[in-house]
Amino acid sequence: MLSAALLILAMAPGAADSIFGSDFDDLDGCPIGRQTVADIDYIGQCARLGADVTEWSNIWGYSCDTGGTVPFPGLPLDATIMNFGKTTYIAAHFQVPADLPNGLGWMAHTEYDYGGDLTGSISTRCGDFAPANPTCLTVTISGQMLVPWRVGGANFCPLTPGTDYFFNVRITDPSRASTTCDSQAPWCAVSLYNSTSYSP
């Protein structure tokens, strides 16, 4: 009886069932298109298949030696996302530790395995590619810095200790071919080196 009632409700004109909405399973309230899993190659160290890429520490805080992770700002390492979707985006959540001293960092978008030109942002919102502060948005070509950030001081995207953020990144123009990715490919290998003034 309950099943029949639910079926009638679902078929009613104009009825919207939020249970089946696109954001139901996304606790971060991300827009449609978020890539949550990827294969990552840590060049010369190790590779991980099916890694969770919703958290910064799972990408740039992963230790090949221990198999564990460290929090933001992570480790100075090159993470090549081997199957970065051309029409998706990655939103890697992180929290700036409350006791993190002043310092800075950025992602270096490498020329090898660069996949395509990238748009990146740091925002308190998942999938936000129009942050209020223009210093927190970068549209790059290969070999450039992506979203330079800073805790304390001036310049770069300002981060506040104890605050949650997302590092959002996507391929700017999925239809454009590159020297490392065919225009018809559904995904590309994209290499991002985590450069930071903090020592692990």
C-alpha atoms as a PDB file:
ATOM      1  CA  MET A   1       0.000   0.000   0.000  1.00  0.00           C
ATOM      2  CA  LEU A   2       2.814   2.369   0.906  1.00  0.00           C
ATOM      3  CA  SER A   3       4.576   1.613  -2.389  1.00  0.00           C
ATOM      4  CA  ALA A   4       1.464   2.484  -4.367  1.00  0.00           C
ATOM      5  CA  ALA A   5       1.071   5.773  -2.487  1.00  0.00           C
ATOM      6  CA  LEU A   6       4.697   6.711  -3.168  1.00  0.00           C
ATOM      7  CA  LEU A   7       4.280   5.866  -6.857  1.00  0.00           C
ATOM      8  CA  ILE A   8       1.194   8.105  -7.111  1.00  0.00           C
ATOM      9  CA  LEU A   9       3.043  10.937  -5.339  1.00  0.00           C
ATOM     10  CA  ALA A  10       6.040  10.584  -7.641  1.00  0.00           C
ATOM     11  CA  MET A  11       3.809  10.721 -10.739  1.00  0.00           C
ATOM     12  CA  ALA A  12       1.889  13.809  -9.592  1.00  0.00           C
ATOM     13  CA  PRO A  13       2.501  16.814 -11.890  1.00  0.00           C
ATOM     14  CA  GLY A  14       4.901  19.347 -10.428  1.00  0.00           C
ATOM     15  CA  ALA A  15       5.838  17.135  -7.506  1.00  0.00           C
ATOM     16  CA  ALA A  16       9.521  17.336  -6.639  1.00  0.00           C
ATOM     17  CA  ASP A  17      11.094  14.652  -4.506  1.00  0.00           C
ATOM     18  CA  SER A  18      14.257  15.965  -2.869  1.00  0.00           C
ATOM     19  CA  ILE A  19      15.306  12.429  -1.948  1.00  0.00           C
ATOM     20  CA  PHE A  20      16.248  11.848  -5.568  1.00  0.00           C
ATOM     21  CA  GLY A  21      17.803  15.284  -6.057  1.00  0.00           C
ATOM     22  CA  SER A  22      21.313  15.573  -7.449  1.00  0.00           C
ATOM     23  CA  ASP A  23      22.742  16.874  -4.170  1.00  0.00           C
ATOM     24  CA  PHE A  24      21.274  14.198  -1.888  1.00  0.00           C
ATOM     25  CA  ASP A  25      24.426  12.091  -1.657  1.00  0.00           C
ATOM     26  CA  ASP A  26      26.791  15.082  -1.734  1.00  0.00           C
ATOM     27  CA  LEU A  27      27.274  16.199   1.838  1.00  0.00           C
ATOM     28  CA  ASP A  28      29.474  19.088   0.669  1.00  0.00           C
ATOM     29  CA  GLY A  29      26.666  20.590  -1.457  1.00  0.00           C
ATOM     30  CA  CYS A  30      28.770  20.427  -4.623  1.00  0.00           C
ATOM     31  CA  PRO A  31      27.401  21.237  -8.081  1.00  0.00           C
ATOM     32  CA  ILE A  32      26.890  18.355 -10.494  1.00  0.00           C
ATOM     33  CA  GLY A  33      30.058  17.073 -12.151  1.00  0.00           C
ATOM     34  CA  ARG A  34      32.376  16.559  -9.178  1.00  0.00           C
ATOM     35  CA  GLN A  35      34.922  13.771  -9.759  1.00  0.00           C
ATOM     36  CA  THR A  36      35.329  11.854  -6.505  1.00  0.00           C
ATOM     37  CA  VAL A  37      37.697   9.009  -7.467  1.00  0.00           C
ATOM     38  CA  ALA A  38      40.853   8.931  -9.588  1.00  0.00           C
ATOM     39  CA  ASP A  39      44.044   6.969 -10.246  1.00  0.00           C
ATOM     40  CA  ILE A  40      47.065   8.882  -8.954  1.00  0.00           C
ATOM     41  CA  ASP A  41      50.701   8.384  -9.918  1.00  0.00           C
ATOM     42  CA  TYR A  42      53.294   9.789  -7.534  1.00  0.00           C
ATOM     43  CA  ILE A  43      56.116   9.935 -10.048  1.00  0.00           C
ATOM     44  CA  GLY A  44      59.034   7.727  -9.040  1.00  0.00           C
ATOM     45  CA  GLN A  45      57.350   6.714  -5.773  1.00  0.00           C
ATOM     46  CA  CYS A  46      54.090   4.775  -6.044  1.00  0.00           C
ATOM     47  CA  ALA A  47      50.641   4.729  -7.663  1.00  0.00           C
ATOM     48  CA  ARG A  48      47.157   4.500  -6.174  1.00  0.00           C
ATOM     49  CA  LEU A  49      44.124   3.208  -8.066  1.00  0.00           C
ATOM     50  CA  GLY A  50      40.658   4.454  -7.203  1.00  0.00           C
ATOM     51  CA  ALA A  51      41.845   7.052  -4.699  1.00  0.00           C
ATOM     52  CA  ASP A  52      39.315   9.335  -3.015  1.00  0.00           C
ATOM     53  CA  VAL A  53      40.050  12.810  -4.413  1.00  0.00           C
ATOM     54  CA  THR A  54      37.481  14.682  -2.340  1.00  0.00           C
ATOM     55  CA  GLU A  55      40.084  15.419   0.348  1.00  0.00           C
ATOM     56  CA  TRP A  56      43.343  17.355  -0.099  1.00  0.00           C
ATOM     57  CA  SER A  57      45.200  15.003   2.246  1.00  0.00           C
ATOM     58  CA  ASN A  58      44.269  11.990   0.090  1.00  0.00           C
ATOM     59  CA  ILE A  59      46.039  13.594  -2.884  1.00  0.00           C
ATOM     60  CA  TRP A  60      48.853  15.902  -1.710  1.00  0.00           C
ATOM     61  CA  GLY A  61      49.162  14.577   1.823  1.00  0.00           C
ATOM     62  CA  TYR A  62      49.581  10.908   0.930  1.00  0.00           C
ATOM     63  CA  SER A  63      52.821   9.194   1.929  1.00  0.00           C
ATOM     64  CA  CYS A  64      53.964   6.352  -0.315  1.00  0.00           C
ATOM     65  CA  ASP A  65      56.313   5.227   2.468  1.00  0.00           C
ATOM     66  CA  THR A  66      53.694   4.796   5.198  1.00  0.00           C
ATOM     67  CA  GLY A  67      50.413   4.621   3.276  1.00  0.00           C
ATOM     68  CA  GLY A  68      49.056   7.297   5.619  1.00  0.00           C
ATOM     69  CA  THR A  69      48.101  10.916   5.081  1.00  0.00           C
ATOM     70  CA  VAL A  70      49.027  14.254   6.580  1.00  0.00           C
ATOM     71  CA  PRO A  71      46.744  17.313   6.755  1.00  0.00           C
ATOM     72  CA  PHE A  72      47.004  20.558   4.799  1.00  0.00           C
ATOM     73  CA  PRO A  73      49.381  21.890   3.540  1.00  0.00           C
ATOM     74  CA  GLY A  74      50.430  18.301   2.835  1.00  0.00           C
ATOM     75  CA  LEU A  75      53.712  17.096   1.381  1.00  0.00           C
ATOM     76  CA  PRO A  76      55.898  18.586  -1.357  1.00  0.00           C
ATOM     77  CA  LEU A  77      55.124  16.032  -4.044  1.00  0.00           C
ATOM     78  CA  ASP A  78      53.998  15.606  -7.625  1.00  0.00           C
ATOM     79  CA  ALA A  79      50.579  13.965  -7.936  1.00  0.00           C
ATOM     80  CA  THR A  80      49.601  13.041 -11.490  1.00  0.00           C
ATOM     81  CA  ILE A  81      45.875  12.425 -11.725  1.00  0.00           C
ATOM     82  CA  MET A  82      45.908   9.867 -14.523  1.00  0.00           C
ATOM     83  CA  ASN A  83      42.199  10.009 -15.379  1.00  0.00           C
ATOM     84  CA  PHE A  84      41.194  13.620 -14.757  1.00  0.00           C
ATOM     85  CA  GLY A  85      37.809  13.948 -16.461  1.00  0.00           C
ATOM     86  CA  LYS A  86      37.656  16.592 -19.169  1.00  0.00           C
ATOM     87  CA  THR A  87      34.115  17.600 -18.287  1.00  0.00           C
ATOM     88  CA  THR A  88      34.312  17.121 -14.526  1.00  0.00           C
ATOM     89  CA  TYR A  89      36.089  18.976 -11.761  1.00  0.00           C
ATOM     90  CA  ILE A  90      37.926  18.029  -8.587  1.00  0.00           C
ATOM     91  CA  ALA A  91      37.034  19.765  -5.332  1.00  0.00           C
ATOM     92  CA  ALA A  92      39.551  18.706  -2.691  1.00  0.00           C
ATOM     93  CA  HIS A  93      38.424  19.734   0.784  1.00  0.00           C
ATOM     94  CA  PHE A  94      40.930  20.846   3.394  1.00  0.00           C
ATOM     95  CA  GLN A  95      40.994  22.610   6.714  1.00  0.00           C
ATOM     96  CA  VAL A  96      43.778  25.032   7.557  1.00  0.00           C
ATOM     97  CA  PRO A  97      45.107  23.864  10.942  1.00  0.00           C
ATOM     98  CA  ALA A  98      44.310  26.352  13.721  1.00  0.00           C
ATOM     99  CA  ASP A  99      47.973  26.439  14.765  1.00  0.00           C
ATOM    100  CA  LEU A 100      49.497  26.699  11.277  1.00  0.00           C
ATOM    101  CA  PRO A 101      52.147  29.457  11.288  1.00  0.00           C
ATOM    102  CA  ASN A 102      52.446  32.072   8.571  1.00  0.00           C
ATOM    103  CA  GLY A 103      53.556  30.629   5.243  1.00  0.00           C
ATOM    104  CA  LEU A 104      52.607  30.183   1.621  1.00  0.00           C
ATOM    105  CA  GLY A 105      52.237  27.686  -1.188  1.00  0.00           C
ATOM    106  CA  TRP A 106      50.744  26.903  -4.587  1.00  0.00           C
ATOM    107  CA  MET A 107      50.209  24.141  -7.118  1.00  0.00           C
ATOM    108  CA  ALA A 108      52.690  23.998  -9.973  1.00  0.00           C
ATOM    109  CA  HIS A 109      50.892  22.874 -13.131  1.00  0.00           C
ATOM    110  CA  THR A 110      53.663  20.894 -14.809  1.00  0.00           C
ATOM    111  CA  GLU A 111      54.500  20.931 -18.508  1.00  0.00           C
ATOM    112  CA  TYR A 112      54.745  17.127 -18.623  1.00  0.00           C
ATOM    113  CA  ASP A 113      51.367  15.429 -18.250  1.00  0.00           C
ATOM    114  CA  TYR A 114      49.675  18.796 -18.084  1.00  0.00           C
ATOM    115  CA  GLY A 115      46.605  17.498 -19.939  1.00  0.00           C
ATOM    116  CA  GLY A 116      45.172  20.908 -20.678  1.00  0.00           C
ATOM    117  CA  ASP A 117      45.006  24.453 -19.426  1.00  0.00           C
ATOM    118  CA  LEU A 118      43.440  24.559 -15.978  1.00  0.00           C
ATOM    119  CA  THR A 119      41.138  26.808 -14.015  1.00  0.00           C
ATOM    120  CA  GLY A 120      41.624  26.590 -10.271  1.00  0.00           C
ATOM    121  CA  SER A 121      40.173  28.287  -7.230  1.00  0.00           C
ATOM    122  CA  ILE A 122      40.276  28.169  -3.470  1.00  0.00           C
ATOM    123  CA  SER A 123      36.898  28.819  -1.903  1.00  0.00           C
ATOM    124  CA  THR A 124      34.838  27.945   1.141  1.00  0.00           C
ATOM    125  CA  ARG A 125      32.359  26.471  -1.358  1.00  0.00           C
ATOM    126  CA  CYS A 126      32.748  23.250  -3.285  1.00  0.00           C
ATOM    127  CA  GLY A 127      32.941  23.671  -7.069  1.00  0.00           C
ATOM    128  CA  ASP A 128      33.084  27.471  -6.848  1.00  0.00           C
ATOM    129  CA  PHE A 129      34.962  28.844  -9.848  1.00  0.00           C
ATOM    130  CA  ALA A 130      33.925  32.444  -9.167  1.00  0.00           C
ATOM    131  CA  PRO A 131      35.277  33.165  -5.672  1.00  0.00           C
ATOM    132  CA  ALA A 132      34.623  36.592  -4.185  1.00  0.00           C
ATOM    133  CA  ASN A 133      38.344  37.303  -3.882  1.00  0.00           C
ATOM    134  CA  PRO A 134      39.928  37.412  -7.381  1.00  0.00           C
ATOM    135  CA  THR A 135      43.328  36.400  -5.953  1.00  0.00           C
ATOM    136  CA  CYS A 136      41.787  32.991  -5.193  1.00  0.00           C
ATOM    137  CA  LEU A 137      41.137  32.219  -8.891  1.00  0.00           C
ATOM    138  CA  THR A 138      43.740  31.342 -11.519  1.00  0.00           C
ATOM    139  CA  VAL A 139      43.396  30.348 -15.163  1.00  0.00           C
ATOM    140  CA  THR A 140      46.737  28.866 -16.238  1.00  0.00           C
ATOM    141  CA  ILE A 141      48.671  27.418 -19.074  1.00  0.00           C
ATOM    142  CA  SER A 142      51.182  24.641 -18.452  1.00  0.00           C
ATOM    143  CA  GLY A 143      54.175  25.393 -16.292  1.00  0.00           C
ATOM    144  CA  GLN A 144      52.475  28.117 -14.286  1.00  0.00           C
ATOM    145  CA  MET A 145      51.443  28.442 -10.638  1.00  0.00           C
ATOM    146  CA  LEU A 146      47.873  27.569  -9.802  1.00  0.00           C
ATOM    147  CA  VAL A 147      46.151  29.522  -7.007  1.00  0.00           C
ATOM    148  CA  PRO A 148      49.036  30.797  -4.867  1.00  0.00           C
ATOM    149  CA  TRP A 149      47.844  31.013  -1.241  1.00  0.00           C
ATOM    150  CA  ARG A 150      49.139  32.474   1.985  1.00  0.00           C
ATOM    151  CA  VAL A 151      48.481  32.183   5.716  1.00  0.00           C
ATOM    152  CA  GLY A 152      49.281  35.582   7.246  1.00  0.00           C
ATOM    153  CA  GLY A 153      50.845  38.497   5.431  1.00  0.00           C
ATOM    154  CA  ALA A 154      49.740  40.102   2.180  1.00  0.00           C
ATOM    155  CA  ASN A 155      49.465  38.965  -1.448  1.00  0.00           C
ATOM    156  CA  PHE A 156      48.116  35.664  -2.766  1.00  0.00           C
ATOM    157  CA  CYS A 157      44.837  34.015  -1.752  1.00  0.00           C
ATOM    158  CA  PRO A 158      44.445  34.600   2.010  1.00  0.00           C
ATOM    159  CA  LEU A 159      43.660  31.523   4.116  1.00  0.00           C
ATOM    160  CA  THR A 160      42.419  31.705   7.697  1.00  0.00           C
ATOM    161  CA  PRO A 161      43.565  29.105  10.258  1.00  0.00           C
ATOM    162  CA  GLY A 162      40.728  26.883  11.478  1.00  0.00           C
ATOM    163  CA  THR A 163      38.677  27.428   8.298  1.00  0.00           C
ATOM    164  CA  ASP A 164      37.471  24.817   5.800  1.00  0.00           C
ATOM    165  CA  TYR A 165      38.172  25.349   2.090  1.00  0.00           C
ATOM    166  CA  PHE A 166      38.009  23.549  -1.244  1.00  0.00           C
ATOM    167  CA  PHE A 167      40.744  23.500  -3.860  1.00  0.00           C
ATOM    168  CA  ASN A 168      38.612  23.422  -7.029  1.00  0.00           C
ATOM    169  CA  VAL A 169      40.234  22.563 -10.351  1.00  0.00           C
ATOM    170  CA  ARG A 170      38.979  21.755 -13.864  1.00  0.00           C
ATOM    171  CA  ILE A 171      40.172  21.700 -17.452  1.00  0.00           C
ATOM    172  CA  THR A 172      39.305  25.134 -18.854  1.00  0.00           C
ATOM    173  CA  ASP A 173      38.410  24.063 -22.410  1.00  0.00           C
ATOM    174  CA  PRO A 174      37.682  20.312 -22.768  1.00  0.00           C
ATOM    175  CA  SER A 175      37.504  20.564 -26.580  1.00  0.00           C
ATOM    176  CA  ARG A 176      41.036  21.862 -26.954  1.00  0.00           C
ATOM    177  CA  ALA A 177      43.736  19.311 -27.740  1.00  0.00           C
ATOM    178  CA  SER A 178      47.150  19.473 -26.117  1.00  0.00           C
ATOM    179  CA  THR A 179      50.554  17.912 -26.631  1.00  0.00           C
ATOM    180  CA  THR A 180      49.761  15.397 -23.888  1.00  0.00           C
ATOM    181  CA  CYS A 181      46.043  14.749 -24.416  1.00  0.00           C
ATOM    182  CA  ASP A 182      43.997  14.064 -27.545  1.00  0.00           C
ATOM    183  CA  SER A 183      40.941  16.260 -28.096  1.00  0.00           C
ATOM    184  CA  GLN A 184      38.722  13.143 -28.362  1.00  0.00           C
ATOM    185  CA  ALA A 185      39.893  11.603 -25.065  1.00  0.00           C
ATOM    186  CA  PRO A 186      37.308  11.629 -22.242  1.00  0.00           C
ATOM    187  CA  TRP A 187      40.041  12.241 -19.666  1.00  0.00           C
ATOM    188  CA  CYS A 188      43.660  13.385 -19.438  1.00  0.00           C
ATOM    189  CA  ALA A 189      46.662  12.902 -17.192  1.00  0.00           C
ATOM    190  CA  VAL A 190      47.104  16.119 -15.194  1.00  0.00           C
ATOM    191  CA  SER A 191      50.154  16.645 -13.007  1.00  0.00           C
ATOM    192  CA  LEU A 192      50.113  19.062 -10.078  1.00  0.00           C
ATOM    193  CA  TYR A 193      53.117  19.615  -7.817  1.00  0.00           C
ATOM    194  CA  ASN A 194      52.345  20.798  -4.292  1.00  0.00           C
ATOM    195  CA  SER A 195      54.865  23.532  -3.538  1.00  0.00           C
ATOM    196  CA  THR A 196      54.854  24.944  -0.002  1.00  0.00           C
ATOM    197  CA  SER A 197      57.117  26.841   2.348  1.00  0.00           C
ATOM    198  CA  TYR A 198      56.236  24.412   5.149  1.00  0.00           C
ATOM    199  CA  SER A 199      58.497  21.471   5.906  1.00  0.00           C
ATOM    200  CA  PRO A 200      56.885  18.075   6.575  1.00  0.00           C
END
